[in-house]
């Protein structure tokens, strides 16, 4: 499975904001530019495992959560992301998402 850097970036941003850290403060702690950190959070720049480990240590989250959405107590992939997506969609969009998901699952 290929890594989805946009989702990884979203999770990193959420962990950073949950920790009440600005991009500036986190970039300073990591000794990287704010622009680089911003690109990581947007998913437009890839992150290596060493850097990911450093960020996770600072933010107090696991690499497993950042990479695949699994916490220590959960193996469910993208559950919170799907929940947010569904809540943001109007009923017509929700039906379309359901139909698309159904087609994908039935192909397996």
N, C-alpha and C. Protein backbone atom coordinates (compact mmCIF):
# COMPACT_ATOMS: atom_id res chain seq x y z
N UNK A 1 0.84 -1.18 0.00
CA UNK A 1 0.00 0.00 0.00
C UNK A 1 0.89 1.25 0.00
N UNK A 2 0.63 2.17 -0.88
CA UNK A 2 1.38 3.41 -0.97
C UNK A 2 0.97 4.36 0.15
N UNK A 3 1.91 5.15 0.58
CA UNK A 3 1.61 6.13 1.63
C UNK A 3 0.84 7.29 1.04
N UNK A 4 -0.15 7.75 1.75
CA UNK A 4 -0.92 8.93 1.35
C UNK A 4 -0.39 10.11 2.16
N UNK A 5 0.50 10.89 1.55
CA UNK A 5 1.15 11.98 2.27
C UNK A 5 0.19 13.09 2.67
N UNK A 6 -0.92 13.23 1.95
CA UNK A 6 -1.91 14.25 2.33
C UNK A 6 -2.56 13.88 3.65
N UNK A 7 -2.90 12.61 3.82
CA UNK A 7 -3.52 12.16 5.08
C UNK A 7 -2.50 12.21 6.21
N UNK A 8 -1.27 11.79 5.92
CA UNK A 8 -0.20 11.87 6.92
C UNK A 8 -0.05 13.33 7.37
N UNK A 9 -0.04 14.25 6.42
CA UNK A 9 0.09 15.66 6.75
C UNK A 9 -1.07 16.17 7.60
N UNK A 10 -2.29 15.74 7.26
CA UNK A 10 -3.46 16.15 8.04
C UNK A 10 -3.34 15.66 9.48
N UNK A 11 -2.92 14.41 9.64
CA UNK A 11 -2.78 13.86 11.00
C UNK A 11 -1.68 14.59 11.78
N UNK A 12 -0.58 14.89 11.10
CA UNK A 12 0.48 15.64 11.78
C UNK A 12 0.00 17.02 12.20
N UNK A 13 -0.72 17.69 11.31
CA UNK A 13 -1.24 19.02 11.64
C UNK A 13 -2.21 18.95 12.82
N UNK A 14 -3.09 17.95 12.81
CA UNK A 14 -4.04 17.81 13.92
C UNK A 14 -3.30 17.55 15.23
N UNK A 15 -2.30 16.68 15.19
CA UNK A 15 -1.52 16.39 16.40
C UNK A 15 -0.80 17.64 16.89
N UNK A 16 -0.29 18.44 15.95
CA UNK A 16 0.40 19.68 16.31
C UNK A 16 -0.57 20.67 16.96
N UNK A 17 -1.74 20.86 16.34
CA UNK A 17 -2.70 21.82 16.88
C UNK A 17 -3.29 21.32 18.20
N UNK A 18 -3.48 20.00 18.33
CA UNK A 18 -3.95 19.44 19.60
C UNK A 18 -2.96 19.72 20.72
N UNK A 19 -1.68 19.75 20.37
CA UNK A 19 -0.61 20.01 21.33
C UNK A 19 -0.41 21.52 21.53
N UNK A 20 -1.22 22.31 20.79
CA UNK A 20 -1.18 23.77 20.86
C UNK A 20 0.19 24.33 20.47
N UNK A 21 0.79 23.72 19.45
CA UNK A 21 2.05 24.20 18.91
C UNK A 21 1.80 24.88 17.57
N UNK A 22 2.46 25.98 17.34
CA UNK A 22 2.40 26.63 16.03
C UNK A 22 3.39 25.94 15.10
N UNK A 23 3.23 26.17 13.81
CA UNK A 23 4.21 25.65 12.86
C UNK A 23 5.59 26.21 13.19
N UNK A 24 5.62 27.47 13.57
CA UNK A 24 6.90 28.11 13.89
C UNK A 24 7.61 27.40 15.04
N UNK A 25 6.88 27.11 16.11
CA UNK A 25 7.48 26.46 17.28
C UNK A 25 7.94 25.05 16.95
N UNK A 26 7.12 24.29 16.22
CA UNK A 26 7.50 22.92 15.86
C UNK A 26 8.70 22.94 14.92
N UNK A 27 8.69 23.84 13.95
CA UNK A 27 9.83 23.94 13.02
C UNK A 27 11.12 24.27 13.78
N UNK A 28 10.99 25.15 14.77
CA UNK A 28 12.15 25.51 15.59
C UNK A 28 12.68 24.30 16.35
N UNK A 29 11.78 23.52 16.95
CA UNK A 29 12.18 22.32 17.71
C UNK A 29 12.85 21.29 16.80
N UNK A 30 12.41 21.23 15.54
CA UNK A 30 12.94 20.25 14.59
C UNK A 30 14.15 20.77 13.83
N UNK A 31 14.41 22.08 13.95
CA UNK A 31 15.47 22.74 13.20
C UNK A 31 15.25 22.60 11.69
N UNK A 32 14.00 22.87 11.28
CA UNK A 32 13.64 22.90 9.86
C UNK A 32 12.93 24.22 9.58
N UNK A 33 12.75 24.51 8.30
CA UNK A 33 12.05 25.74 7.95
C UNK A 33 10.55 25.57 8.13
N UNK A 34 9.88 26.68 8.36
CA UNK A 34 8.42 26.67 8.46
C UNK A 34 7.83 26.23 7.13
N UNK A 35 8.43 26.65 6.04
CA UNK A 35 7.94 26.27 4.70
C UNK A 35 7.99 24.76 4.52
N UNK A 36 9.08 24.11 4.98
CA UNK A 36 9.19 22.65 4.86
C UNK A 36 8.11 21.96 5.68
N UNK A 37 7.91 22.41 6.91
CA UNK A 37 6.88 21.83 7.76
C UNK A 37 5.50 22.03 7.14
N UNK A 38 5.26 23.18 6.57
CA UNK A 38 3.99 23.46 5.91
C UNK A 38 3.77 22.51 4.74
N UNK A 39 4.81 22.25 3.95
CA UNK A 39 4.69 21.32 2.82
C UNK A 39 4.39 19.91 3.31
N UNK A 40 4.98 19.51 4.42
CA UNK A 40 4.69 18.18 4.99
C UNK A 40 3.23 18.11 5.40
N UNK A 41 2.73 19.14 6.08
CA UNK A 41 1.34 19.14 6.54
C UNK A 41 0.36 19.18 5.37
N UNK A 42 0.73 19.76 4.27
CA UNK A 42 -0.13 19.79 3.08
C UNK A 42 0.00 18.52 2.25
N UNK A 43 1.01 17.70 2.55
CA UNK A 43 1.21 16.46 1.80
C UNK A 43 1.97 16.66 0.51
N UNK A 44 2.53 17.85 0.32
CA UNK A 44 3.25 18.11 -0.93
C UNK A 44 4.74 17.80 -0.81
N UNK A 45 5.19 17.44 0.38
CA UNK A 45 6.58 17.04 0.60
C UNK A 45 6.59 15.73 1.38
N UNK A 46 7.42 14.81 0.95
CA UNK A 46 7.50 13.51 1.63
C UNK A 46 8.34 13.66 2.89
N UNK A 47 8.10 12.76 3.81
CA UNK A 47 8.80 12.79 5.09
C UNK A 47 9.48 11.45 5.29
N UNK A 48 10.74 11.47 5.73
CA UNK A 48 11.42 10.20 5.97
C UNK A 48 11.10 9.71 7.38
N UNK A 49 11.40 8.45 7.63
CA UNK A 49 11.02 7.85 8.91
C UNK A 49 11.75 8.47 10.10
N UNK A 50 12.99 8.87 9.90
CA UNK A 50 13.74 9.51 10.99
C UNK A 50 13.05 10.81 11.41
N UNK A 51 12.70 11.62 10.42
CA UNK A 51 12.03 12.90 10.72
C UNK A 51 10.65 12.65 11.32
N UNK A 52 9.93 11.65 10.78
CA UNK A 52 8.61 11.31 11.33
C UNK A 52 8.73 10.93 12.80
N UNK A 53 9.74 10.14 13.12
CA UNK A 53 9.96 9.73 14.51
C UNK A 53 10.21 10.93 15.40
N UNK A 54 11.01 11.88 14.93
CA UNK A 54 11.28 13.10 15.71
C UNK A 54 9.99 13.88 15.96
N UNK A 55 9.19 14.05 14.92
CA UNK A 55 7.94 14.81 15.05
C UNK A 55 6.99 14.09 16.01
N UNK A 56 6.87 12.78 15.87
CA UNK A 56 5.97 12.01 16.74
C UNK A 56 6.40 12.11 18.20
N UNK A 57 7.70 12.07 18.45
CA UNK A 57 8.19 12.22 19.82
C UNK A 57 7.79 13.57 20.41
N UNK A 58 7.95 14.62 19.63
CA UNK A 58 7.60 15.96 20.11
C UNK A 58 6.09 16.09 20.33
N UNK A 59 5.30 15.52 19.41
CA UNK A 59 3.84 15.67 19.48
C UNK A 59 3.17 14.65 20.39
N UNK A 60 3.91 13.63 20.81
CA UNK A 60 3.34 12.62 21.70
C UNK A 60 2.34 11.70 21.02
N UNK A 61 2.58 11.39 19.76
CA UNK A 61 1.73 10.45 19.03
C UNK A 61 2.60 9.33 18.47
N UNK A 62 1.97 8.23 18.08
CA UNK A 62 2.73 7.11 17.53
C UNK A 62 2.86 7.24 16.02
N UNK A 63 3.90 6.64 15.50
CA UNK A 63 4.09 6.60 14.06
C UNK A 63 2.93 5.82 13.41
N UNK A 64 2.47 4.78 14.10
CA UNK A 64 1.35 3.99 13.58
C UNK A 64 0.11 4.82 13.35
N UNK A 65 -0.18 5.71 14.28
CA UNK A 65 -1.34 6.58 14.11
C UNK A 65 -1.14 7.51 12.91
N UNK A 66 0.03 8.12 12.81
CA UNK A 66 0.28 9.06 11.72
C UNK A 66 0.25 8.35 10.37
N UNK A 67 0.83 7.16 10.28
CA UNK A 67 0.92 6.46 9.00
C UNK A 67 -0.37 5.79 8.57
N UNK A 68 -1.10 5.20 9.53
CA UNK A 68 -2.29 4.46 9.10
C UNK A 68 -3.54 4.68 9.93
N UNK A 69 -3.49 5.63 10.83
CA UNK A 69 -4.68 5.95 11.62
C UNK A 69 -4.92 5.04 12.80
N UNK A 70 -4.03 4.07 13.00
CA UNK A 70 -4.22 3.12 14.10
C UNK A 70 -3.57 3.68 15.37
N UNK A 71 -4.34 3.68 16.42
CA UNK A 71 -3.78 4.06 17.72
C UNK A 71 -3.42 2.77 18.44
N UNK A 72 -2.91 2.89 19.64
CA UNK A 72 -2.58 1.69 20.40
C UNK A 72 -3.81 0.84 20.67
N UNK A 73 -5.00 1.46 20.69
CA UNK A 73 -6.21 0.73 21.02
C UNK A 73 -7.07 0.44 19.80
N UNK A 74 -6.58 0.78 18.60
CA UNK A 74 -7.42 0.62 17.43
C UNK A 74 -6.62 0.23 16.21
N UNK A 75 -7.16 -0.71 15.44
CA UNK A 75 -6.55 -1.09 14.18
C UNK A 75 -7.40 -0.60 13.02
N UNK A 76 -8.35 0.27 13.28
CA UNK A 76 -9.27 0.73 12.25
C UNK A 76 -8.59 1.83 11.43
N UNK A 77 -8.55 1.62 10.11
CA UNK A 77 -7.89 2.55 9.20
C UNK A 77 -8.85 3.63 8.73
N UNK A 78 -8.49 4.88 8.90
CA UNK A 78 -9.21 6.05 8.38
C UNK A 78 -10.61 6.25 8.98
N UNK A 79 -10.92 5.64 10.09
CA UNK A 79 -12.27 5.76 10.64
C UNK A 79 -12.64 7.21 10.92
N UNK A 80 -11.77 7.94 11.58
CA UNK A 80 -12.12 9.32 11.91
C UNK A 80 -12.17 10.19 10.65
N UNK A 81 -11.31 9.88 9.67
CA UNK A 81 -11.33 10.64 8.43
C UNK A 81 -12.64 10.41 7.66
N UNK A 82 -13.09 9.15 7.61
CA UNK A 82 -14.36 8.86 6.95
C UNK A 82 -15.53 9.52 7.70
N UNK A 83 -15.46 9.50 9.01
CA UNK A 83 -16.51 10.11 9.81
C UNK A 83 -16.61 11.61 9.50
N UNK A 84 -15.48 12.30 9.46
CA UNK A 84 -15.47 13.73 9.15
C UNK A 84 -16.01 13.99 7.75
N UNK A 85 -15.59 13.14 6.81
CA UNK A 85 -16.04 13.29 5.42
C UNK A 85 -17.55 13.15 5.33
N UNK A 86 -18.09 12.14 5.98
CA UNK A 86 -19.54 11.92 5.94
C UNK A 86 -20.31 13.06 6.60
N UNK A 87 -19.80 13.55 7.71
CA UNK A 87 -20.47 14.66 8.41
C UNK A 87 -20.47 15.94 7.58
N UNK A 88 -19.41 16.13 6.77
CA UNK A 88 -19.31 17.33 5.96
C UNK A 88 -20.15 17.24 4.68
N UNK A 89 -20.53 16.03 4.29
CA UNK A 89 -21.26 15.83 3.04
C UNK A 89 -22.75 16.06 3.23
N UNK A 90 -23.40 16.56 2.18
CA UNK A 90 -24.85 16.68 2.23
C UNK A 90 -25.46 15.29 1.92
N UNK A 91 -26.76 15.10 2.12
CA UNK A 91 -27.35 13.77 1.92
C UNK A 91 -27.10 13.18 0.53
N UNK A 92 -27.14 13.99 -0.50
CA UNK A 92 -26.89 13.49 -1.86
C UNK A 92 -25.45 12.98 -1.99
N UNK A 93 -24.50 13.75 -1.42
CA UNK A 93 -23.10 13.35 -1.46
C UNK A 93 -22.87 12.08 -0.63
N UNK A 94 -23.55 11.98 0.52
CA UNK A 94 -23.42 10.79 1.35
C UNK A 94 -23.89 9.55 0.59
N UNK A 95 -24.98 9.67 -0.13
CA UNK A 95 -25.49 8.53 -0.91
C UNK A 95 -24.47 8.14 -1.98
N UNK A 96 -23.89 9.13 -2.64
CA UNK A 96 -22.89 8.85 -3.66
C UNK A 96 -21.67 8.16 -3.06
N UNK A 97 -21.19 8.65 -1.93
CA UNK A 97 -20.06 8.01 -1.26
C UNK A 97 -20.39 6.56 -0.88
N UNK A 98 -21.59 6.33 -0.42
CA UNK A 98 -22.03 4.99 -0.06
C UNK A 98 -22.01 4.08 -1.29
N UNK A 99 -22.56 4.56 -2.38
CA UNK A 99 -22.63 3.75 -3.60
C UNK A 99 -21.22 3.44 -4.13
N UNK A 100 -20.34 4.42 -4.09
CA UNK A 100 -18.96 4.19 -4.54
C UNK A 100 -18.28 3.16 -3.64
N UNK A 101 -18.42 3.31 -2.34
CA UNK A 101 -17.84 2.36 -1.39
C UNK A 101 -18.37 0.95 -1.60
N UNK A 102 -19.65 0.85 -1.84
CA UNK A 102 -20.29 -0.45 -2.06
C UNK A 102 -19.69 -1.14 -3.29
N UNK A 103 -19.53 -0.39 -4.38
CA UNK A 103 -18.94 -0.95 -5.61
C UNK A 103 -17.51 -1.43 -5.34
N UNK A 104 -16.74 -0.63 -4.65
CA UNK A 104 -15.35 -1.00 -4.36
C UNK A 104 -15.28 -2.27 -3.52
N UNK A 105 -16.09 -2.35 -2.49
CA UNK A 105 -16.06 -3.52 -1.60
C UNK A 105 -16.55 -4.78 -2.31
N UNK A 106 -17.54 -4.65 -3.16
CA UNK A 106 -18.08 -5.81 -3.87
C UNK A 106 -17.08 -6.35 -4.89
N UNK A 107 -16.10 -5.55 -5.31
CA UNK A 107 -15.10 -6.01 -6.26
C UNK A 107 -14.06 -6.91 -5.59
N UNK A 108 -13.91 -6.83 -4.31
CA UNK A 108 -12.88 -7.61 -3.59
C UNK A 108 -13.21 -9.07 -3.57
